[in-house]
């Protein structure tokens, strides 16, 4: 009887063996939307809040999280930047391998001096970027970010896409980050991408 049981178990294992999946074959799961095959993003040639010229090559080896907005934004932008400051705290040592970029879509009014006062308020490691109108339009378009500058009751408002993107250390845009993602979810996705390096 025991020999029959052993034989049956061996047969079952032989049948199941082709279905076995190794850890390398399991696709990672993300909280953000996987856009790695969509070829999102273009070249970056802008100046940060300290007057230094920046490109994506400056951040090779790090996960880059990029958002678009403007300094006078009443809700989405400060909420996003505050959330990303929380993400950096949650990441602990992994924050050193993460760079948050925030690109103004209103470079005419968002001067370097204004960015210098605005961005470090959330986290000193964040970089606020501004370019010419043409550079801004080109970069936003490459990330499928829409924006429109409106004048309302004497004040300029900018209607803009609220989502961000996560770029891996090799420079490939991997995830779209919806506005309603939590800090914990974003931190988890950053760790997952860093873990693949």
N, C-alpha and C. Protein backbone atom coordinates (compact mmCIF):
# COMPACT_ATOMS: atom_id res chain seq x y z
N UNK A 1 0.83 -1.21 0.00
CA UNK A 1 0.00 0.00 0.00
C UNK A 1 0.87 1.26 0.00
N UNK A 2 1.96 1.21 0.84
CA UNK A 2 2.83 2.37 0.92
C UNK A 2 3.52 2.62 -0.42
N UNK A 3 3.90 1.53 -1.10
CA UNK A 3 4.56 1.66 -2.39
C UNK A 3 3.63 2.32 -3.40
N UNK A 4 2.33 1.93 -3.36
CA UNK A 4 1.36 2.54 -4.27
C UNK A 4 1.21 4.04 -4.01
N UNK A 5 1.18 4.45 -2.73
CA UNK A 5 1.05 5.88 -2.38
C UNK A 5 2.26 6.67 -2.86
N UNK A 6 3.43 6.09 -2.68
CA UNK A 6 4.65 6.77 -3.12
C UNK A 6 4.63 6.92 -4.64
N UNK A 7 4.20 5.85 -5.31
CA UNK A 7 4.13 5.90 -6.77
C UNK A 7 3.14 6.94 -7.26
N UNK A 8 1.98 7.02 -6.58
CA UNK A 8 0.97 8.00 -6.96
C UNK A 8 1.47 9.42 -6.74
N UNK A 9 2.19 9.63 -5.63
CA UNK A 9 2.74 10.95 -5.33
C UNK A 9 3.78 11.34 -6.37
N UNK A 10 4.61 10.38 -6.77
CA UNK A 10 5.64 10.65 -7.78
C UNK A 10 5.00 11.01 -9.12
N UNK A 11 3.92 10.29 -9.46
CA UNK A 11 3.21 10.57 -10.71
C UNK A 11 2.60 11.97 -10.68
N UNK A 12 2.00 12.34 -9.54
CA UNK A 12 1.39 13.66 -9.39
C UNK A 12 2.43 14.76 -9.54
N UNK A 13 3.59 14.58 -8.91
CA UNK A 13 4.66 15.57 -9.01
C UNK A 13 5.16 15.70 -10.44
N UNK A 14 5.25 14.58 -11.13
CA UNK A 14 5.71 14.60 -12.52
C UNK A 14 4.73 15.36 -13.41
N UNK A 15 3.43 15.21 -13.13
CA UNK A 15 2.41 15.90 -13.92
C UNK A 15 2.40 17.40 -13.64
N UNK A 16 2.67 17.77 -12.37
CA UNK A 16 2.62 19.18 -11.99
C UNK A 16 3.91 19.92 -12.31
N UNK A 17 5.01 19.21 -12.51
CA UNK A 17 6.32 19.84 -12.72
C UNK A 17 6.31 20.88 -13.85
N UNK A 18 5.68 20.58 -15.00
CA UNK A 18 5.69 21.59 -16.07
C UNK A 18 4.97 22.87 -15.70
N UNK A 19 4.10 22.82 -14.68
CA UNK A 19 3.34 24.00 -14.28
C UNK A 19 4.08 24.84 -13.24
N UNK A 20 5.18 24.30 -12.74
CA UNK A 20 5.92 25.03 -11.70
C UNK A 20 6.47 26.32 -12.28
N UNK A 21 6.42 27.41 -11.49
CA UNK A 21 6.89 28.71 -11.93
C UNK A 21 7.99 29.17 -11.00
N UNK A 22 9.12 29.55 -11.56
CA UNK A 22 10.21 30.04 -10.74
C UNK A 22 9.94 31.49 -10.36
N UNK A 23 10.67 31.97 -9.34
CA UNK A 23 10.48 33.34 -8.86
C UNK A 23 10.76 34.36 -9.97
N UNK A 24 11.74 34.03 -10.85
CA UNK A 24 12.10 34.96 -11.91
C UNK A 24 10.98 35.12 -12.94
N UNK A 25 10.12 34.11 -13.07
CA UNK A 25 9.07 34.14 -14.08
C UNK A 25 7.80 34.85 -13.61
N UNK A 26 7.69 35.10 -12.32
CA UNK A 26 6.50 35.74 -11.79
C UNK A 26 6.57 37.24 -12.09
N UNK A 27 5.61 37.75 -12.80
CA UNK A 27 5.58 39.18 -13.11
C UNK A 27 5.31 39.98 -11.84
N UNK A 28 6.07 41.04 -11.62
CA UNK A 28 5.83 41.85 -10.42
C UNK A 28 4.47 42.54 -10.49
N UNK A 29 3.90 42.77 -9.33
CA UNK A 29 2.62 43.48 -9.26
C UNK A 29 2.89 44.89 -8.76
N UNK A 30 2.15 45.83 -9.32
CA UNK A 30 2.31 47.24 -8.97
C UNK A 30 0.98 47.83 -8.56
N UNK A 31 1.05 48.90 -7.78
CA UNK A 31 -0.15 49.68 -7.46
C UNK A 31 -0.42 50.68 -8.58
N UNK A 32 0.65 51.20 -9.20
CA UNK A 32 0.51 52.10 -10.33
C UNK A 32 0.22 51.30 -11.59
N UNK A 33 -0.07 52.02 -12.68
CA UNK A 33 -0.38 51.37 -13.95
C UNK A 33 0.90 51.14 -14.74
N UNK A 34 1.14 49.90 -15.13
CA UNK A 34 2.34 49.54 -15.88
C UNK A 34 2.25 50.12 -17.30
N UNK A 35 3.17 51.02 -17.64
CA UNK A 35 3.20 51.63 -18.98
C UNK A 35 4.56 51.39 -19.63
N UNK A 36 5.26 50.36 -19.19
CA UNK A 36 6.64 50.13 -19.63
C UNK A 36 6.76 49.88 -21.13
N UNK A 37 5.70 49.44 -21.78
CA UNK A 37 5.77 49.19 -23.22
C UNK A 37 5.22 50.36 -24.05
N UNK A 38 4.80 51.43 -23.39
CA UNK A 38 4.15 52.55 -24.09
C UNK A 38 5.12 53.61 -24.59
N UNK A 39 6.39 53.51 -24.21
CA UNK A 39 7.41 54.49 -24.63
C UNK A 39 7.00 55.92 -24.28
N UNK A 40 6.72 56.11 -23.01
CA UNK A 40 6.32 57.43 -22.51
C UNK A 40 7.54 58.19 -22.00
N UNK A 41 7.58 59.48 -22.28
CA UNK A 41 8.68 60.32 -21.80
C UNK A 41 9.62 60.70 -22.92
N UNK A 42 10.24 61.86 -22.76
CA UNK A 42 11.17 62.36 -23.76
C UNK A 42 12.38 62.98 -23.08
N UNK A 43 13.24 63.62 -23.83
CA UNK A 43 14.43 64.24 -23.24
C UNK A 43 14.09 65.40 -22.32
N UNK A 44 14.89 65.54 -21.29
CA UNK A 44 14.70 66.61 -20.31
C UNK A 44 15.88 67.57 -20.42
N UNK A 45 15.58 68.85 -20.67
CA UNK A 45 16.62 69.89 -20.70
C UNK A 45 16.03 71.12 -20.03
N UNK A 46 16.15 71.17 -18.70
CA UNK A 46 15.57 72.27 -17.93
C UNK A 46 16.52 72.68 -16.82
N UNK A 47 16.15 73.73 -16.12
CA UNK A 47 16.96 74.26 -15.03
C UNK A 47 16.25 74.04 -13.71
N UNK A 48 17.00 73.61 -12.68
CA UNK A 48 16.37 73.40 -11.38
C UNK A 48 16.30 74.70 -10.59
N UNK A 49 15.75 74.60 -9.36
CA UNK A 49 15.54 75.82 -8.55
C UNK A 49 16.84 76.47 -8.11
N UNK A 50 17.96 75.77 -8.30
CA UNK A 50 19.26 76.33 -7.94
C UNK A 50 20.02 76.87 -9.15
N UNK A 51 19.36 76.83 -10.31
CA UNK A 51 19.98 77.36 -11.51
C UNK A 51 20.84 76.36 -12.25
N UNK A 52 20.82 75.10 -11.85
CA UNK A 52 21.64 74.07 -12.50
C UNK A 52 20.87 73.41 -13.63
N UNK A 53 21.54 73.28 -14.79
CA UNK A 53 20.92 72.60 -15.92
C UNK A 53 20.78 71.12 -15.60
N UNK A 54 19.62 70.54 -15.94
CA UNK A 54 19.35 69.15 -15.61
C UNK A 54 18.88 68.37 -16.83
N UNK A 55 19.25 67.08 -16.84
CA UNK A 55 18.74 66.13 -17.82
C UNK A 55 18.49 64.82 -17.09
N UNK A 56 17.78 63.90 -17.73
CA UNK A 56 17.50 62.63 -17.08
C UNK A 56 18.79 61.84 -16.82
N UNK A 57 19.84 62.09 -17.61
CA UNK A 57 21.10 61.38 -17.41
C UNK A 57 21.69 61.66 -16.03
N UNK A 58 21.35 62.81 -15.44
CA UNK A 58 21.85 63.14 -14.10
C UNK A 58 21.37 62.15 -13.05
N UNK A 59 20.29 61.44 -13.35
CA UNK A 59 19.66 60.60 -12.33
C UNK A 59 19.73 59.11 -12.65
N UNK A 60 20.58 58.72 -13.61
CA UNK A 60 20.75 57.31 -13.92
C UNK A 60 21.18 56.56 -12.66
N UNK A 61 20.60 55.40 -12.43
CA UNK A 61 20.89 54.62 -11.23
C UNK A 61 19.90 54.88 -10.11
N UNK A 62 19.02 55.86 -10.31
CA UNK A 62 17.98 56.17 -9.32
C UNK A 62 16.60 55.97 -9.94
N UNK A 63 15.64 55.72 -9.08
CA UNK A 63 14.24 55.79 -9.51
C UNK A 63 13.86 57.27 -9.52
N UNK A 64 13.26 57.71 -10.61
CA UNK A 64 12.80 59.11 -10.71
C UNK A 64 11.28 59.11 -10.68
N UNK A 65 10.72 59.96 -9.83
CA UNK A 65 9.27 60.16 -9.81
C UNK A 65 9.03 61.59 -10.27
N UNK A 66 8.30 61.75 -11.37
CA UNK A 66 8.12 63.07 -11.98
C UNK A 66 6.65 63.47 -12.00
N UNK A 67 6.40 64.74 -11.64
CA UNK A 67 5.07 65.32 -11.65
C UNK A 67 5.13 66.67 -12.34
N UNK A 68 3.97 67.17 -12.76
CA UNK A 68 3.86 68.47 -13.40
C UNK A 68 2.85 69.31 -12.63
N UNK A 69 3.08 70.62 -12.55
CA UNK A 69 2.14 71.49 -11.84
C UNK A 69 2.58 72.94 -11.88
N UNK A 70 2.13 73.71 -10.91
CA UNK A 70 2.54 75.12 -10.83
C UNK A 70 2.46 75.56 -9.38
N UNK A 71 3.26 76.55 -9.00
CA UNK A 71 3.42 76.90 -7.59
C UNK A 71 2.16 77.46 -6.95
N UNK A 72 1.31 78.11 -7.75
CA UNK A 72 0.09 78.70 -7.17
C UNK A 72 -1.08 77.73 -7.15
N UNK A 73 -0.82 76.49 -7.48
CA UNK A 73 -1.86 75.45 -7.48
C UNK A 73 -2.46 75.35 -6.07
N UNK A 74 -3.78 75.46 -5.94
CA UNK A 74 -4.39 75.50 -4.62
C UNK A 74 -4.54 74.15 -3.91
N UNK A 75 -4.49 73.05 -4.65
CA UNK A 75 -4.77 71.77 -4.00
C UNK A 75 -3.93 70.60 -4.48
N UNK A 76 -3.99 70.27 -5.77
CA UNK A 76 -3.33 69.07 -6.29
C UNK A 76 -1.82 69.08 -6.04
N UNK A 77 -1.15 70.16 -6.38
CA UNK A 77 0.31 70.20 -6.28
C UNK A 77 0.83 70.13 -4.84
N UNK A 78 0.32 70.96 -3.92
CA UNK A 78 0.81 70.81 -2.54
C UNK A 78 0.48 69.46 -1.93
N UNK A 79 -0.67 68.91 -2.31
CA UNK A 79 -1.03 67.57 -1.80
C UNK A 79 -0.06 66.52 -2.35
N UNK A 80 0.24 66.60 -3.63
CA UNK A 80 1.16 65.65 -4.26
C UNK A 80 2.55 65.75 -3.65
N UNK A 81 3.06 66.96 -3.49
CA UNK A 81 4.40 67.14 -2.95
C UNK A 81 4.48 66.72 -1.48
N UNK A 82 3.42 66.98 -0.73
CA UNK A 82 3.38 66.51 0.67
C UNK A 82 3.37 64.99 0.73
N UNK A 83 2.60 64.39 -0.17
CA UNK A 83 2.55 62.92 -0.22
C UNK A 83 3.91 62.35 -0.57
N UNK A 84 4.61 62.99 -1.52
CA UNK A 84 5.93 62.49 -1.90
C UNK A 84 6.95 62.68 -0.78
N UNK A 85 6.80 63.71 0.03
CA UNK A 85 7.67 63.86 1.20
C UNK A 85 7.45 62.70 2.17
N UNK A 86 6.20 62.28 2.30
CA UNK A 86 5.88 61.12 3.13
C UNK A 86 6.49 59.84 2.53
N UNK A 87 6.43 59.72 1.20
CA UNK A 87 7.03 58.57 0.52
C UNK A 87 8.52 58.49 0.86
N UNK A 88 9.21 59.61 0.80
CA UNK A 88 10.64 59.61 1.09
C UNK A 88 10.92 59.17 2.52
N UNK A 89 10.08 59.57 3.44
CA UNK A 89 10.25 59.12 4.83
C UNK A 89 10.02 57.61 4.94
N UNK A 90 9.02 57.11 4.24
CA UNK A 90 8.72 55.68 4.28
C UNK A 90 9.84 54.85 3.65
N UNK A 91 10.50 55.40 2.65
CA UNK A 91 11.55 54.66 1.96
C UNK A 91 12.81 54.48 2.81
N UNK A 92 13.01 55.34 3.79
CA UNK A 92 14.20 55.21 4.62
C UNK A 92 15.46 55.31 3.77
N UNK A 93 16.39 54.36 3.89
CA UNK A 93 17.64 54.40 3.12
C UNK A 93 17.42 54.38 1.60
N UNK A 94 16.31 53.78 1.14
CA UNK A 94 16.04 53.73 -0.29
C UNK A 94 15.72 55.11 -0.88
N UNK A 95 15.45 56.09 -0.02
CA UNK A 95 15.20 57.45 -0.51
C UNK A 95 16.44 58.03 -1.19
N UNK A 96 17.62 57.54 -0.79
CA UNK A 96 18.86 58.02 -1.41
C UNK A 96 18.98 57.55 -2.86
N UNK A 97 18.18 56.56 -3.22
CA UNK A 97 18.20 56.04 -4.59
C UNK A 97 16.94 56.47 -5.35
N UNK A 98 16.30 57.53 -4.85
CA UNK A 98 15.05 58.02 -5.42
C UNK A 98 15.14 59.53 -5.61
N UNK A 99 14.70 60.02 -6.77
CA UNK A 99 14.70 61.46 -7.03
C UNK A 99 13.32 61.92 -7.45
N UNK A 100 12.78 62.89 -6.75
CA UNK A 100 11.49 63.48 -7.10
C UNK A 100 11.74 64.74 -7.92
N UNK A 101 11.10 64.79 -9.09
CA UNK A 101 11.17 65.96 -9.97
C UNK A 101 9.78 66.54 -10.12
N UNK A 102 9.69 67.85 -10.01
CA UNK A 102 8.41 68.54 -10.18
C UNK A 102 8.62 69.62 -11.23
N UNK A 103 7.91 69.51 -12.33
CA UNK A 103 8.10 70.41 -13.48
C UNK A 103 6.96 71.43 -13.53
N UNK A 104 7.32 72.70 -13.55
CA UNK A 104 6.27 73.71 -13.66
C UNK A 104 5.75 73.80 -15.09
N UNK A 105 4.44 73.88 -15.21
CA UNK A 105 3.82 74.08 -16.53
C UNK A 105 3.47 75.56 -16.72
N UNK A 106 3.95 76.39 -15.80
CA UNK A 106 3.72 77.84 -15.88
C UNK A 106 5.06 78.57 -15.70
N UNK A 107 6.04 78.31 -16.58
CA UNK A 107 7.37 78.90 -16.37
C UNK A 107 7.41 80.42 -16.48
N UNK A 108 6.40 81.00 -17.09
CA UNK A 108 6.37 82.46 -17.22
C UNK A 108 6.23 83.11 -15.85
N UNK A 109 5.42 82.53 -14.97
CA UNK A 109 5.21 83.09 -13.64
C UNK A 109 6.02 82.37 -12.56
N UNK A 110 6.32 81.09 -12.77
CA UNK A 110 7.11 80.34 -11.79
C UNK A 110 8.59 80.56 -12.07
N UNK A 111 9.13 81.61 -11.49
CA UNK A 111 10.54 81.95 -11.69
C UNK A 111 11.42 81.00 -10.89
N UNK A 112 12.72 81.05 -11.17
CA UNK A 112 13.67 80.24 -10.42
C UNK A 112 13.61 80.59 -8.93
N UNK A 113 13.53 81.88 -8.62
CA UNK A 113 13.47 82.31 -7.23
C UNK A 113 12.22 81.77 -6.53
N UNK A 114 11.10 81.75 -7.24
CA UNK A 114 9.86 81.24 -6.65
C UNK A 114 9.98 79.73 -6.41
N UNK A 115 10.55 79.01 -7.37
CA UNK A 115 10.75 77.57 -7.18
C UNK A 115 11.71 77.31 -6.02
N UNK A 116 12.72 78.16 -5.88
CA UNK A 116 13.71 77.99 -4.81
C UNK A 116 13.07 78.11 -3.43
N UNK A 117 12.04 78.92 -3.32
CA UNK A 117 11.33 79.06 -2.04
C UNK A 117 10.25 78.00 -1.86
N UNK A 118 9.69 77.52 -2.96
CA UNK A 118 8.53 76.63 -2.90
C UNK A 118 8.90 75.15 -2.70
N UNK A 119 9.80 74.64 -3.53
CA UNK A 119 10.09 73.21 -3.55
C UNK A 119 10.72 72.69 -2.26
N UNK A 120 11.78 73.32 -1.71
CA UNK A 120 12.41 72.78 -0.49
C UNK A 120 11.49 72.79 0.74
N UNK A 121 10.41 73.53 0.66
CA UNK A 121 9.45 73.54 1.76
C UNK A 121 8.91 72.13 2.02
N UNK A 122 8.84 71.32 0.97
CA UNK A 122 8.30 69.96 1.10
C UNK A 122 9.40 68.96 1.42
N UNK A 123 10.53 69.06 0.73
CA UNK A 123 11.68 68.18 0.99
C UNK A 123 12.88 68.79 0.28
N UNK A 124 13.97 68.95 1.01
CA UNK A 124 15.16 69.61 0.45
C UNK A 124 15.76 68.82 -0.71
N UNK A 125 15.43 67.54 -0.81
CA UNK A 125 15.99 66.71 -1.89
C UNK A 125 15.20 66.82 -3.19
N UNK A 126 14.02 67.40 -3.15
CA UNK A 126 13.20 67.54 -4.35
C UNK A 126 13.81 68.60 -5.27
N UNK A 127 13.59 68.40 -6.57
CA UNK A 127 14.03 69.39 -7.55
C UNK A 127 12.82 69.93 -8.30
N UNK A 128 12.73 71.26 -8.35
CA UNK A 128 11.71 71.91 -9.15
C UNK A 128 12.35 72.37 -10.45
N UNK A 129 11.74 72.03 -11.56
CA UNK A 129 12.34 72.30 -12.86
C UNK A 129 11.50 73.28 -13.68
N UNK A 130 12.18 74.13 -14.43
CA UNK A 130 11.49 75.03 -15.34
C UNK A 130 12.29 75.14 -16.63
N UNK A 131 11.56 75.31 -17.72
CA UNK A 131 12.20 75.47 -19.02
C UNK A 131 11.51 76.56 -19.79
N UNK A 132 11.81 76.67 -21.05
CA UNK A 132 11.10 77.60 -21.91
C UNK A 132 9.69 77.07 -22.14
N UNK A 133 8.86 77.89 -22.73
CA UNK A 133 7.51 77.44 -23.05
C UNK A 133 7.55 76.24 -23.99
N UNK A 134 8.46 76.26 -24.95
CA UNK A 134 8.57 75.16 -25.91
C UNK A 134 9.07 73.89 -25.23
N UNK A 135 10.06 74.02 -24.36
CA UNK A 135 10.58 72.85 -23.64
C UNK A 135 9.51 72.24 -22.74
N UNK A 136 8.75 73.11 -22.08
CA UNK A 136 7.69 72.65 -21.19
C UNK A 136 6.63 71.89 -21.97
N UNK A 137 6.21 72.47 -23.08
CA UNK A 137 5.18 71.83 -23.90
C UNK A 137 5.66 70.48 -24.43
N UNK A 138 6.91 70.42 -24.86
CA UNK A 138 7.46 69.19 -25.42
C UNK A 138 7.56 68.08 -24.38
N UNK A 139 8.06 68.42 -23.19
CA UNK A 139 8.20 67.41 -22.14
C UNK A 139 6.84 66.94 -21.65
N UNK A 140 5.92 67.87 -21.44
CA UNK A 140 4.58 67.50 -20.99
C UNK A 140 3.90 66.59 -22.01
N UNK A 141 4.04 66.92 -23.27
CA UNK A 141 3.43 66.11 -24.32
C UNK A 141 4.02 64.71 -24.34
N UNK A 142 5.32 64.59 -24.11
CA UNK A 142 5.96 63.27 -24.14
C UNK A 142 5.47 62.38 -23.01
N UNK A 143 4.99 63.00 -21.92
CA UNK A 143 4.44 62.26 -20.79
C UNK A 143 2.91 62.22 -20.81
N UNK A 144 2.32 62.66 -21.92
CA UNK A 144 0.86 62.66 -22.08
C UNK A 144 0.18 63.53 -21.01
N UNK A 145 0.86 64.59 -20.62
CA UNK A 145 0.33 65.51 -19.60
C UNK A 145 -0.30 66.70 -20.31
N UNK A 146 -1.57 66.93 -20.03
CA UNK A 146 -2.26 68.07 -20.60
C UNK A 146 -2.32 69.22 -19.61
N UNK A 147 -2.28 70.45 -20.12
CA UNK A 147 -2.43 71.61 -19.24
C UNK A 147 -2.93 72.79 -20.05
N UNK A 148 -3.61 73.69 -19.36
CA UNK A 148 -4.16 74.89 -20.01
C UNK A 148 -4.14 76.03 -19.00
N UNK A 149 -3.53 77.14 -19.40
CA UNK A 149 -3.46 78.32 -18.52
C UNK A 149 -4.70 79.18 -18.75
N UNK A 150 -5.41 79.46 -17.66
CA UNK A 150 -6.66 80.21 -17.72
C UNK A 150 -6.56 81.45 -16.83
N UNK A 151 -7.27 82.48 -17.20
CA UNK A 151 -7.34 83.67 -16.34
C UNK A 151 -8.74 83.74 -15.78
N UNK A 152 -8.83 83.74 -14.43
CA UNK A 152 -10.13 83.73 -13.77
C UNK A 152 -10.15 84.80 -12.69
N UNK A 153 -11.02 85.77 -12.82
CA UNK A 153 -11.17 86.87 -11.85
C UNK A 153 -9.83 87.53 -11.55
N UNK A 154 -9.07 87.77 -12.60
CA UNK A 154 -7.79 88.47 -12.44
C UNK A 154 -6.64 87.59 -11.98
N UNK A 155 -6.89 86.30 -11.80
CA UNK A 155 -5.85 85.37 -11.34
C UNK A 155 -5.60 84.30 -12.41
N UNK A 156 -4.34 83.93 -12.56
CA UNK A 156 -4.00 82.87 -13.50
C UNK A 156 -4.12 81.51 -12.82
N UNK A 157 -4.87 80.63 -13.42
CA UNK A 157 -5.00 79.26 -12.95
C UNK A 157 -4.55 78.33 -14.07
N UNK A 158 -4.04 77.17 -13.68
CA UNK A 158 -3.60 76.20 -14.68
C UNK A 158 -4.32 74.88 -14.44
N UNK A 159 -5.10 74.50 -15.41
CA UNK A 159 -5.76 73.20 -15.37
C UNK A 159 -4.74 72.19 -15.93
N UNK A 160 -4.35 71.19 -15.12
CA UNK A 160 -3.31 70.27 -15.56
C UNK A 160 -3.58 68.84 -15.08
N UNK A 161 -2.99 67.89 -15.78
CA UNK A 161 -3.11 66.48 -15.40
C UNK A 161 -2.43 66.26 -14.05
N UNK A 162 -3.08 65.54 -13.13
CA UNK A 162 -2.53 65.39 -11.78
C UNK A 162 -1.63 64.18 -11.57
N UNK A 163 -1.62 63.24 -12.52
CA UNK A 163 -0.86 62.02 -12.28
C UNK A 163 0.65 62.23 -12.48
N UNK A 164 1.41 61.30 -11.93
CA UNK A 164 2.85 61.34 -12.09
C UNK A 164 3.33 60.08 -12.78
N UNK A 165 4.66 59.97 -12.95
CA UNK A 165 5.24 58.80 -13.58
C UNK A 165 6.48 58.35 -12.82
N UNK A 166 6.71 57.05 -12.83
CA UNK A 166 7.88 56.48 -12.19
C UNK A 166 8.81 55.95 -13.28
N UNK A 167 10.04 56.45 -13.25
CA UNK A 167 11.06 56.07 -14.24
C UNK A 167 12.10 55.22 -13.54
N UNK A 168 12.46 54.09 -14.14
CA UNK A 168 13.40 53.18 -13.47
C UNK A 168 14.84 53.67 -13.60
N UNK A 169 15.79 53.06 -12.87
CA UNK A 169 17.18 53.53 -12.88
C UNK A 169 17.85 53.50 -14.25
N UNK A 170 17.29 52.74 -15.20
CA UNK A 170 17.85 52.69 -16.54
C UNK A 170 17.26 53.77 -17.45
N UNK A 171 16.29 54.54 -16.92
CA UNK A 171 15.70 55.63 -17.69
C UNK A 171 14.44 55.28 -18.44
N UNK A 172 13.83 54.13 -18.11
CA UNK A 172 12.60 53.70 -18.78
C UNK A 172 11.40 54.07 -17.93
N UNK A 173 10.41 54.74 -18.51
CA UNK A 173 9.19 55.07 -17.79
C UNK A 173 8.40 53.79 -17.59
N UNK A 174 8.22 53.41 -16.32
CA UNK A 174 7.61 52.11 -16.02
C UNK A 174 6.18 52.19 -15.54
N UNK A 175 5.86 53.21 -14.73
CA UNK A 175 4.54 53.26 -14.12
C UNK A 175 3.92 54.64 -14.21
N UNK A 176 2.61 54.65 -14.41
CA UNK A 176 1.81 55.87 -14.28
C UNK A 176 1.22 55.84 -12.87
N UNK A 177 1.36 56.95 -12.15
CA UNK A 177 0.92 57.03 -10.77
C UNK A 177 -0.33 57.90 -10.67
N UNK A 178 -1.51 57.30 -10.55
CA UNK A 178 -2.74 58.09 -10.42
C UNK A 178 -2.69 58.98 -9.19
N UNK A 179 -3.43 60.06 -9.24
CA UNK A 179 -3.43 61.05 -8.15
C UNK A 179 -3.88 60.46 -6.82
N UNK A 180 -4.77 59.45 -6.87
CA UNK A 180 -5.31 58.92 -5.62
C UNK A 180 -4.46 57.81 -5.00
N UNK A 181 -3.28 57.55 -5.51
CA UNK A 181 -2.40 56.57 -4.88
C UNK A 181 -1.93 57.09 -3.52
N UNK A 182 -1.79 56.19 -2.57
CA UNK A 182 -1.32 56.58 -1.24
C UNK A 182 0.21 56.60 -1.22
N UNK A 183 0.75 57.24 -0.20
CA UNK A 183 2.21 57.26 -0.02
C UNK A 183 2.75 55.84 0.14
N UNK A 184 2.02 55.01 0.86
CA UNK A 184 2.45 53.62 1.07
C UNK A 184 2.51 52.85 -0.25
N UNK A 185 1.54 53.08 -1.11
CA UNK A 185 1.51 52.39 -2.41
C UNK A 185 2.65 52.85 -3.31
N UNK A 186 2.90 54.16 -3.33
CA UNK A 186 4.00 54.68 -4.16
C UNK A 186 5.33 54.15 -3.65
N UNK A 187 5.52 54.17 -2.33
CA UNK A 187 6.76 53.65 -1.74
C UNK A 187 6.96 52.18 -2.08
N UNK A 188 5.88 51.41 -2.06
CA UNK A 188 5.96 49.99 -2.40
C UNK A 188 6.39 49.81 -3.85
N UNK A 189 5.85 50.63 -4.76
CA UNK A 189 6.22 50.52 -6.17
C UNK A 189 7.68 50.93 -6.39
N UNK A 190 8.13 51.95 -5.69
CA UNK A 190 9.55 52.36 -5.80
C UNK A 190 10.44 51.22 -5.35
N UNK A 191 10.10 50.59 -4.23
CA UNK A 191 10.91 49.47 -3.72
C UNK A 191 10.91 48.30 -4.69
N UNK A 192 9.75 48.03 -5.30
CA UNK A 192 9.67 46.93 -6.27
C UNK A 192 10.59 47.17 -7.44
N UNK A 193 10.60 48.41 -7.97
CA UNK A 193 11.47 48.74 -9.10
C UNK A 193 12.94 48.68 -8.67
N UNK A 194 13.26 49.21 -7.50
CA UNK A 194 14.64 49.17 -7.02
C UNK A 194 15.11 47.72 -6.82
N UNK A 195 14.19 46.86 -6.40
CA UNK A 195 14.51 45.46 -6.17
C UNK A 195 14.83 44.69 -7.43
N UNK A 196 14.48 45.25 -8.59
CA UNK A 196 14.74 44.58 -9.87
C UNK A 196 16.12 44.91 -10.41
N UNK A 197 16.82 45.82 -9.73
CA UNK A 197 18.14 46.26 -10.24
C UNK A 197 19.25 45.34 -9.74
